[in-house]
Amino acid sequence: MVKPAGATPSPAPASKAPAARLPALPKSTARVGLFGGTFDPVHLGHLAVARTALRELELDRLFFIPAACAPLRDAPPVAPAADRVELLRVALAEENDPRLGVLDLEARTGTVQYTVDTLARLRATWPRARLIWLLGGDQFAQLDRWREPEHLARVAEFAVLDRPEQPPAVPPVSLARSLRWHRLTGPAHPASAAEIRRRRVAGENWELWLPPAVARAIEERKLYLTPADPAPSL
C-alpha cells in the first residue's frame, strides 16, 4: 500500500454541496483517482499517467475530469468541451479497462469550475471514498494559488507526476505540513497536446502520440485544423 508523503490532517467537514449524479463505486471506501485537465486532445501520455496511477496508488477507479475552462490558463481550450469529452470516451473505449471512466460535471457547465467545488460534489456522493487528485509537478508547486487550498488539503490527497525536464516536485511552503500526497514514479511520456495540435496544422505526423481511434475521431470532427494555439497545455 502506498504511504502518503505528507502529514495526515483532520477529517474534512461535511460538504453542503448537492450530490451530483455520479456512477456507483465498487465499494463505499473505494480508492478513487481524479485526473483533471483540458485534454486538448487526450493522448498516450495521459493514458500512461492513468495506468501508472492505477498501479502505484492501487486505485479501484480512475476518472478523467475534462475542464470547460482552466482557471489558471490565459487562453481557453482549442476544441469545444463536448468534443474533448467524446475523444476521452473514445480513448477509454479503446483502452478497455473497466476501472477507467469520464466525468463531465465540469465540462458540461461551459464555464470555469474550481477543483474545490468539484471535490465537494464528489464527496457529497461518495462520503467514504478515498479521493486522490492527479496533477503535474508544475501545478503542484502552485497549489496555493488554487481556490481554498487549505480546504483541498482536507478533502483529498494528491498524486504528483514529475516532468522529466524539471526538478522533483515539492509542495508550496504554506501547505507542506497539511497536504497528503504521493509521488508517481512511472516513466514519463513525451506526448504533448500543444505539439500534437502544432503538427496537425503543419501537416506533420500528428497521430504518433494518439490512440488510433482518437486520431480517427479528430479527423471525422475536423478538429485542430486552425493555427490559433496561444498556450501550451497537457
C-alpha atoms as a PDB file:
ATOM      1  CA  MET A   1       0.000   0.000   0.000  1.00  0.00           C
ATOM      2  CA  VAL A   2       1.296   3.447  -0.901  1.00  0.00           C
ATOM      3  CA  LYS A   3       2.188   5.672   2.025  1.00  0.00           C
ATOM      4  CA  PRO A   4       1.332   9.420   1.810  1.00  0.00           C
ATOM      5  CA  ALA A   5       4.392  11.649   1.582  1.00  0.00           C
ATOM      6  CA  GLY A   6       2.760  14.395   3.645  1.00  0.00           C
ATOM      7  CA  ALA A   7       1.101  14.626   7.031  1.00  0.00           C
ATOM      8  CA  THR A   8      -2.424  13.356   7.688  1.00  0.00           C
ATOM      9  CA  PRO A   9      -4.722  16.270   8.589  1.00  0.00           C
ATOM     10  CA  SER A  10      -8.034  16.221  10.433  1.00  0.00           C
ATOM     11  CA  PRO A  11     -11.093  14.924   8.558  1.00  0.00           C
ATOM     12  CA  ALA A  12     -12.806  17.322   6.155  1.00  0.00           C
ATOM     13  CA  PRO A  13     -16.050  18.974   7.213  1.00  0.00           C
ATOM     14  CA  ALA A  14     -19.208  17.617   5.654  1.00  0.00           C
ATOM     15  CA  SER A  15     -19.967  19.269   2.313  1.00  0.00           C
ATOM     16  CA  LYS A  16     -23.254  21.139   1.828  1.00  0.00           C
ATOM     17  CA  ALA A  17     -22.986  20.862  -1.969  1.00  0.00           C
ATOM     18  CA  PRO A  18     -25.794  18.966  -3.712  1.00  0.00           C
ATOM     19  CA  ALA A  19     -24.913  15.435  -4.714  1.00  0.00           C
ATOM     20  CA  ALA A  20     -24.006  15.042  -8.382  1.00  0.00           C
ATOM     21  CA  ARG A  21     -25.384  12.238 -10.491  1.00  0.00           C
ATOM     22  CA  LEU A  22     -22.287  10.098 -10.448  1.00  0.00           C
ATOM     23  CA  PRO A  23     -21.592   6.407 -11.065  1.00  0.00           C
ATOM     24  CA  ALA A  24     -21.667   3.978  -8.188  1.00  0.00           C
ATOM     25  CA  LEU A  25     -18.332   2.833  -6.806  1.00  0.00           C
ATOM     26  CA  PRO A  26     -17.409  -0.846  -6.362  1.00  0.00           C
ATOM     27  CA  LYS A  27     -17.349  -0.248  -2.594  1.00  0.00           C
ATOM     28  CA  SER A  28     -18.083   2.719  -0.348  1.00  0.00           C
ATOM     29  CA  THR A  29     -14.430   3.008   0.739  1.00  0.00           C
ATOM     30  CA  ALA A  30     -13.016   2.782  -2.794  1.00  0.00           C
ATOM     31  CA  ARG A  31      -9.729   4.444  -3.704  1.00  0.00           C
ATOM     32  CA  VAL A  32     -10.668   6.874  -6.486  1.00  0.00           C
ATOM     33  CA  GLY A  33      -8.196   8.703  -8.718  1.00  0.00           C
ATOM     34  CA  LEU A  34      -9.349  12.013 -10.219  1.00  0.00           C
ATOM     35  CA  PHE A  35      -7.451  13.266 -13.270  1.00  0.00           C
ATOM     36  CA  GLY A  36      -8.371  16.844 -14.168  1.00  0.00           C
ATOM     37  CA  GLY A  37      -7.213  18.789 -17.207  1.00  0.00           C
ATOM     38  CA  THR A  38      -8.254  20.195 -20.560  1.00  0.00           C
ATOM     39  CA  PHE A  39      -7.275  17.030 -22.505  1.00  0.00           C
ATOM     40  CA  ASP A  40      -6.996  19.062 -25.691  1.00  0.00           C
ATOM     41  CA  PRO A  41      -6.711  16.369 -27.019  1.00  0.00           C
ATOM     42  CA  VAL A  42      -6.301  13.313 -24.806  1.00  0.00           C
ATOM     43  CA  HIS A  43      -3.111  11.485 -25.813  1.00  0.00           C
ATOM     44  CA  LEU A  44      -0.964   8.482 -24.970  1.00  0.00           C
ATOM     45  CA  GLY A  45       0.827  10.419 -22.242  1.00  0.00           C
ATOM     46  CA  HIS A  46      -2.427  10.944 -20.349  1.00  0.00           C
ATOM     47  CA  LEU A  47      -3.229   7.252 -20.629  1.00  0.00           C
ATOM     48  CA  ALA A  48       0.269   6.359 -19.399  1.00  0.00           C
ATOM     49  CA  VAL A  49      -0.277   8.545 -16.316  1.00  0.00           C
ATOM     50  CA  ALA A  50      -3.610   6.819 -15.696  1.00  0.00           C
ATOM     51  CA  ARG A  51      -2.034   3.346 -15.879  1.00  0.00           C
ATOM     52  CA  THR A  52       0.760   4.426 -13.530  1.00  0.00           C
ATOM     53  CA  ALA A  53      -1.746   5.822 -11.029  1.00  0.00           C
ATOM     54  CA  LEU A  54      -3.927   2.702 -11.150  1.00  0.00           C
ATOM     55  CA  ARG A  55      -0.904   0.557 -10.376  1.00  0.00           C
ATOM     56  CA  GLU A  56       1.057   2.648  -7.886  1.00  0.00           C
ATOM     57  CA  LEU A  57      -1.925   4.026  -5.951  1.00  0.00           C
ATOM     58  CA  GLU A  58      -3.835   0.736  -6.066  1.00  0.00           C
ATOM     59  CA  LEU A  59      -6.958   2.538  -7.306  1.00  0.00           C
ATOM     60  CA  ASP A  60     -10.373   0.946  -7.610  1.00  0.00           C
ATOM     61  CA  ARG A  61     -11.492   3.575 -10.129  1.00  0.00           C
ATOM     62  CA  LEU A  62      -9.914   6.475 -12.007  1.00  0.00           C
ATOM     63  CA  PHE A  63     -11.986   9.223 -13.590  1.00  0.00           C
ATOM     64  CA  PHE A  64     -10.821  11.784 -16.145  1.00  0.00           C
ATOM     65  CA  ILE A  65     -12.460  15.165 -15.444  1.00  0.00           C
ATOM     66  CA  PRO A  66     -12.141  17.424 -18.500  1.00  0.00           C
ATOM     67  CA  ALA A  67     -12.466  21.128 -17.744  1.00  0.00           C
ATOM     68  CA  ALA A  68     -14.613  23.530 -19.724  1.00  0.00           C
ATOM     69  CA  CYS A  69     -12.001  26.224 -18.990  1.00  0.00           C
ATOM     70  CA  ALA A  70      -8.915  26.089 -16.778  1.00  0.00           C
ATOM     71  CA  PRO A  71      -8.845  28.841 -14.106  1.00  0.00           C
ATOM     72  CA  LEU A  72      -5.068  29.407 -14.211  1.00  0.00           C
ATOM     73  CA  ARG A  73      -4.708  29.435 -18.006  1.00  0.00           C
ATOM     74  CA  ASP A  74      -4.872  32.647 -20.008  1.00  0.00           C
ATOM     75  CA  ALA A  75      -6.414  31.065 -23.117  1.00  0.00           C
ATOM     76  CA  PRO A  76      -9.409  28.747 -23.457  1.00  0.00           C
ATOM     77  CA  PRO A  77      -9.053  25.204 -24.807  1.00  0.00           C
ATOM     78  CA  VAL A  78      -8.912  24.892 -28.602  1.00  0.00           C
ATOM     79  CA  ALA A  79     -11.566  22.193 -29.065  1.00  0.00           C
ATOM     80  CA  PRO A  80     -15.105  22.536 -27.646  1.00  0.00           C
ATOM     81  CA  ALA A  81     -15.726  20.761 -24.366  1.00  0.00           C
ATOM     82  CA  ALA A  82     -18.206  18.311 -25.904  1.00  0.00           C
ATOM     83  CA  ASP A  83     -15.604  17.177 -28.443  1.00  0.00           C
ATOM     84  CA  ARG A  84     -12.904  16.759 -25.801  1.00  0.00           C
ATOM     85  CA  VAL A  85     -15.270  14.680 -23.661  1.00  0.00           C
ATOM     86  CA  GLU A  86     -16.111  12.475 -26.634  1.00  0.00           C
ATOM     87  CA  LEU A  87     -12.418  11.991 -27.508  1.00  0.00           C
ATOM     88  CA  LEU A  88     -11.827  10.829 -23.943  1.00  0.00           C
ATOM     89  CA  ARG A  89     -14.662   8.331 -24.207  1.00  0.00           C
ATOM     90  CA  VAL A  90     -13.267   7.048 -27.486  1.00  0.00           C
ATOM     91  CA  ALA A  91      -9.800   6.677 -25.921  1.00  0.00           C
ATOM     92  CA  LEU A  92     -11.125   4.794 -22.897  1.00  0.00           C
ATOM     93  CA  ALA A  93     -13.261   2.506 -25.044  1.00  0.00           C
ATOM     94  CA  GLU A  94     -10.063   1.530 -26.846  1.00  0.00           C
ATOM     95  CA  GLU A  95      -8.222   1.184 -23.539  1.00  0.00           C
ATOM     96  CA  ASN A  96     -10.933  -1.273 -22.387  1.00  0.00           C
ATOM     97  CA  ASP A  97     -10.241  -1.050 -18.654  1.00  0.00           C
ATOM     98  CA  PRO A  98     -13.445  -1.032 -16.545  1.00  0.00           C
ATOM     99  CA  ARG A  99     -11.667   0.944 -13.837  1.00  0.00           C
ATOM    100  CA  LEU A 100     -11.381   3.983 -16.134  1.00  0.00           C
ATOM    101  CA  GLY A 101     -14.174   6.480 -16.745  1.00  0.00           C
ATOM    102  CA  VAL A 102     -15.024  10.076 -17.666  1.00  0.00           C
ATOM    103  CA  LEU A 103     -16.933  12.581 -15.527  1.00  0.00           C
ATOM    104  CA  ASP A 104     -18.244  15.574 -17.477  1.00  0.00           C
ATOM    105  CA  LEU A 105     -19.550  17.507 -14.455  1.00  0.00           C
ATOM    106  CA  GLU A 106     -17.115  20.385 -15.193  1.00  0.00           C
ATOM    107  CA  ALA A 107     -17.152  20.274 -18.987  1.00  0.00           C
ATOM    108  CA  ARG A 108     -20.934  20.390 -19.321  1.00  0.00           C
ATOM    109  CA  THR A 109     -21.152  23.725 -17.475  1.00  0.00           C
ATOM    110  CA  GLY A 110     -19.299  25.620 -20.197  1.00  0.00           C
ATOM    111  CA  THR A 111     -17.671  27.873 -17.594  1.00  0.00           C
ATOM    112  CA  VAL A 112     -14.707  27.905 -15.229  1.00  0.00           C
ATOM    113  CA  GLN A 113     -15.163  25.390 -12.420  1.00  0.00           C
ATOM    114  CA  TYR A 114     -12.956  25.168  -9.353  1.00  0.00           C
ATOM    115  CA  THR A 115     -11.488  21.942  -8.022  1.00  0.00           C
ATOM    116  CA  VAL A 116     -12.736  22.697  -4.515  1.00  0.00           C
ATOM    117  CA  ASP A 117     -16.333  22.762  -5.809  1.00  0.00           C
ATOM    118  CA  THR A 118     -15.873  19.620  -7.887  1.00  0.00           C
ATOM    119  CA  LEU A 119     -14.466  17.771  -4.890  1.00  0.00           C
ATOM    120  CA  ALA A 120     -17.387  18.953  -2.755  1.00  0.00           C
ATOM    121  CA  ARG A 121     -19.823  17.369  -5.209  1.00  0.00           C
ATOM    122  CA  LEU A 122     -17.839  14.147  -5.315  1.00  0.00           C
ATOM    123  CA  ARG A 123     -17.535  13.990  -1.532  1.00  0.00           C
ATOM    124  CA  ALA A 124     -21.283  14.529  -1.143  1.00  0.00           C
ATOM    125  CA  THR A 125     -21.969  11.479  -3.314  1.00  0.00           C
ATOM    126  CA  TRP A 126     -19.050   9.313  -2.162  1.00  0.00           C
ATOM    127  CA  PRO A 127     -18.676  10.318   1.528  1.00  0.00           C
ATOM    128  CA  ARG A 128     -16.368   7.437   2.491  1.00  0.00           C
ATOM    129  CA  ALA A 129     -14.264   7.162  -0.671  1.00  0.00           C
ATOM    130  CA  ARG A 130     -10.566   7.983  -0.655  1.00  0.00           C
ATOM    131  CA  LEU A 131     -10.201  10.746  -3.259  1.00  0.00           C
ATOM    132  CA  ILE A 132      -6.792  11.289  -4.877  1.00  0.00           C
ATOM    133  CA  TRP A 133      -6.351  14.166  -7.342  1.00  0.00           C
ATOM    134  CA  LEU A 134      -3.685  13.647 -10.027  1.00  0.00           C
ATOM    135  CA  LEU A 135      -1.627  16.587 -11.256  1.00  0.00           C
ATOM    136  CA  GLY A 136       1.753  17.540 -12.691  1.00  0.00           C
ATOM    137  CA  GLY A 137       4.636  18.871 -10.665  1.00  0.00           C
ATOM    138  CA  ASP A 138       4.250  22.372 -12.116  1.00  0.00           C
ATOM    139  CA  GLN A 139       0.623  22.529 -10.961  1.00  0.00           C
ATOM    140  CA  PHE A 140       1.513  21.047  -7.588  1.00  0.00           C
ATOM    141  CA  ALA A 141       4.087  23.783  -7.000  1.00  0.00           C
ATOM    142  CA  GLN A 142       1.381  26.455  -7.370  1.00  0.00           C
ATOM    143  CA  LEU A 143      -1.363  24.637  -5.469  1.00  0.00           C
ATOM    144  CA  ASP A 144      -1.501  27.562  -3.052  1.00  0.00           C
ATOM    145  CA  ARG A 145      -2.908  29.649  -5.941  1.00  0.00           C
ATOM    146  CA  TRP A 146      -5.908  27.335  -6.289  1.00  0.00           C
ATOM    147  CA  ARG A 147      -9.194  28.315  -4.666  1.00  0.00           C
ATOM    148  CA  GLU A 148      -9.366  27.390  -0.952  1.00  0.00           C
ATOM    149  CA  PRO A 149      -6.163  25.314  -0.917  1.00  0.00           C
ATOM    150  CA  GLU A 150      -6.415  24.558   2.809  1.00  0.00           C
ATOM    151  CA  HIS A 151      -9.843  23.016   2.247  1.00  0.00           C
ATOM    152  CA  LEU A 152      -8.493  20.998  -0.688  1.00  0.00           C
ATOM    153  CA  ALA A 153      -5.842  19.590   1.642  1.00  0.00           C
ATOM    154  CA  ARG A 154      -8.554  18.331   3.996  1.00  0.00           C
ATOM    155  CA  VAL A 155     -10.890  16.890   1.358  1.00  0.00           C
ATOM    156  CA  ALA A 156      -8.453  14.999  -0.887  1.00  0.00           C
ATOM    157  CA  GLU A 157      -4.993  13.597  -1.338  1.00  0.00           C
ATOM    158  CA  PHE A 158      -2.775  14.477  -4.290  1.00  0.00           C
ATOM    159  CA  ALA A 159      -0.629  12.376  -6.601  1.00  0.00           C
ATOM    160  CA  VAL A 160       2.151  14.177  -8.451  1.00  0.00           C
ATOM    161  CA  LEU A 161       3.908  13.175 -11.652  1.00  0.00           C
ATOM    162  CA  ASP A 162       7.196  14.993 -12.197  1.00  0.00           C
ATOM    163  CA  ARG A 163       8.113  16.322 -15.624  1.00  0.00           C
ATOM    164  CA  PRO A 164      11.451  14.956 -16.878  1.00  0.00           C
ATOM    165  CA  GLU A 165      12.850  18.424 -17.653  1.00  0.00           C
ATOM    166  CA  GLN A 166      12.043  19.831 -14.202  1.00  0.00           C
ATOM    167  CA  PRO A 167      13.333  19.215 -10.650  1.00  0.00           C
ATOM    168  CA  PRO A 168      11.310  16.858  -8.427  1.00  0.00           C
ATOM    169  CA  ALA A 169       8.073  18.485  -7.313  1.00  0.00           C
ATOM    170  CA  VAL A 170       7.717  19.937  -3.836  1.00  0.00           C
ATOM    171  CA  PRO A 171       4.540  21.337  -2.257  1.00  0.00           C
ATOM    172  CA  PRO A 172       4.096  25.064  -1.612  1.00  0.00           C
ATOM    173  CA  VAL A 173       5.627  26.020   1.725  1.00  0.00           C
ATOM    174  CA  SER A 174       2.292  27.208   3.108  1.00  0.00           C
ATOM    175  CA  LEU A 175       0.713  23.767   2.528  1.00  0.00           C
ATOM    176  CA  ALA A 176       3.675  21.489   3.179  1.00  0.00           C
ATOM    177  CA  ARG A 177       2.502  20.356   6.622  1.00  0.00           C
ATOM    178  CA  SER A 178      -1.148  19.746   5.748  1.00  0.00           C
ATOM    179  CA  LEU A 179      -1.029  18.037   2.361  1.00  0.00           C
ATOM    180  CA  ARG A 180      -1.324  14.283   1.942  1.00  0.00           C
ATOM    181  CA  TRP A 181       0.476  13.487  -1.266  1.00  0.00           C
ATOM    182  CA  HIS A 182       2.158  10.754  -3.275  1.00  0.00           C
ATOM    183  CA  ARG A 183       4.855  10.889  -5.909  1.00  0.00           C
ATOM    184  CA  LEU A 184       4.149   8.777  -9.003  1.00  0.00           C
ATOM    185  CA  THR A 185       7.280   7.083 -10.304  1.00  0.00           C
ATOM    186  CA  GLY A 186       6.135   5.718 -13.666  1.00  0.00           C
ATOM    187  CA  PRO A 187       8.185   6.606 -16.775  1.00  0.00           C
ATOM    188  CA  ALA A 188       7.464   9.997 -18.325  1.00  0.00           C
ATOM    189  CA  HIS A 189       5.879  10.065 -21.780  1.00  0.00           C
ATOM    190  CA  PRO A 190       6.996  12.623 -24.407  1.00  0.00           C
ATOM    191  CA  ALA A 191       3.454  13.359 -25.670  1.00  0.00           C
ATOM    192  CA  SER A 192       2.325  16.989 -25.706  1.00  0.00           C
ATOM    193  CA  ALA A 193      -1.140  18.211 -26.655  1.00  0.00           C
ATOM    194  CA  ALA A 194       0.304  21.515 -27.883  1.00  0.00           C
ATOM    195  CA  GLU A 195       2.788  19.685 -30.117  1.00  0.00           C
ATOM    196  CA  ILE A 196       0.041  17.411 -31.467  1.00  0.00           C
ATOM    197  CA  ARG A 197      -2.010  20.470 -32.406  1.00  0.00           C
ATOM    198  CA  ARG A 198       1.005  22.174 -34.000  1.00  0.00           C
ATOM    199  CA  ARG A 199       1.831  19.106 -36.077  1.00  0.00           C
ATOM    200  CA  ARG A 200      -1.798  18.761 -37.157  1.00  0.00           C
ATOM    201  CA  VAL A 201      -1.791  22.305 -38.554  1.00  0.00           C
ATOM    202  CA  ALA A 202       1.646  21.845 -40.147  1.00  0.00           C
ATOM    203  CA  GLY A 203       0.690  18.575 -41.835  1.00  0.00           C
ATOM    204  CA  GLU A 204       3.336  16.637 -39.923  1.00  0.00           C
ATOM    205  CA  ASN A 205       2.985  13.246 -38.192  1.00  0.00           C
ATOM    206  CA  TRP A 206       0.459  14.339 -35.569  1.00  0.00           C
ATOM    207  CA  GLU A 207      -1.097  10.887 -34.993  1.00  0.00           C
ATOM    208  CA  LEU A 208       2.081   9.481 -33.406  1.00  0.00           C
ATOM    209  CA  TRP A 209       1.070  10.209 -29.794  1.00  0.00           C
ATOM    210  CA  LEU A 210      -2.623   9.394 -30.125  1.00  0.00           C
ATOM    211  CA  PRO A 211      -4.660   6.209 -29.782  1.00  0.00           C
ATOM    212  CA  PRO A 212      -5.725   5.284 -33.347  1.00  0.00           C
ATOM    213  CA  ALA A 213      -9.428   5.687 -32.538  1.00  0.00           C
ATOM    214  CA  VAL A 214      -8.814   9.192 -31.179  1.00  0.00           C
ATOM    215  CA  ALA A 215      -6.905  10.199 -34.324  1.00  0.00           C
ATOM    216  CA  ARG A 216      -9.812   8.941 -36.452  1.00  0.00           C
ATOM    217  CA  ALA A 217     -12.314  10.862 -34.325  1.00  0.00           C
ATOM    218  CA  ILE A 218     -10.259  14.064 -34.675  1.00  0.00           C
ATOM    219  CA  GLU A 219     -10.284  13.623 -38.452  1.00  0.00           C
ATOM    220  CA  GLU A 220     -14.017  12.954 -38.534  1.00  0.00           C
ATOM    221  CA  ARG A 221     -14.770  16.010 -36.393  1.00  0.00           C
ATOM    222  CA  LYS A 222     -12.272  18.197 -38.282  1.00  0.00           C
ATOM    223  CA  LEU A 223     -10.612  19.342 -35.068  1.00  0.00           C
ATOM    224  CA  TYR A 224      -7.309  21.216 -34.602  1.00  0.00           C
ATOM    225  CA  LEU A 225      -7.065  22.454 -38.199  1.00  0.00           C
ATOM    226  CA  THR A 226      -6.520  26.132 -37.376  1.00  0.00           C
ATOM    227  CA  PRO A 227      -3.151  27.616 -36.316  1.00  0.00           C
ATOM    228  CA  ALA A 228      -4.555  29.543 -33.347  1.00  0.00           C
ATOM    229  CA  ASP A 229      -2.889  27.915 -30.340  1.00  0.00           C
ATOM    230  CA  PRO A 230      -1.690  30.614 -27.933  1.00  0.00           C
ATOM    231  CA  ALA A 231      -0.996  28.484 -24.856  1.00  0.00           C
ATOM    232  CA  PRO A 232       0.697  25.106 -24.341  1.00  0.00           C
ATOM    233  CA  SER A 233      -1.285  22.518 -22.443  1.00  0.00           C
ATOM    234  CA  LEU A 234      -1.296  18.966 -21.223  1.00  0.00           C
END
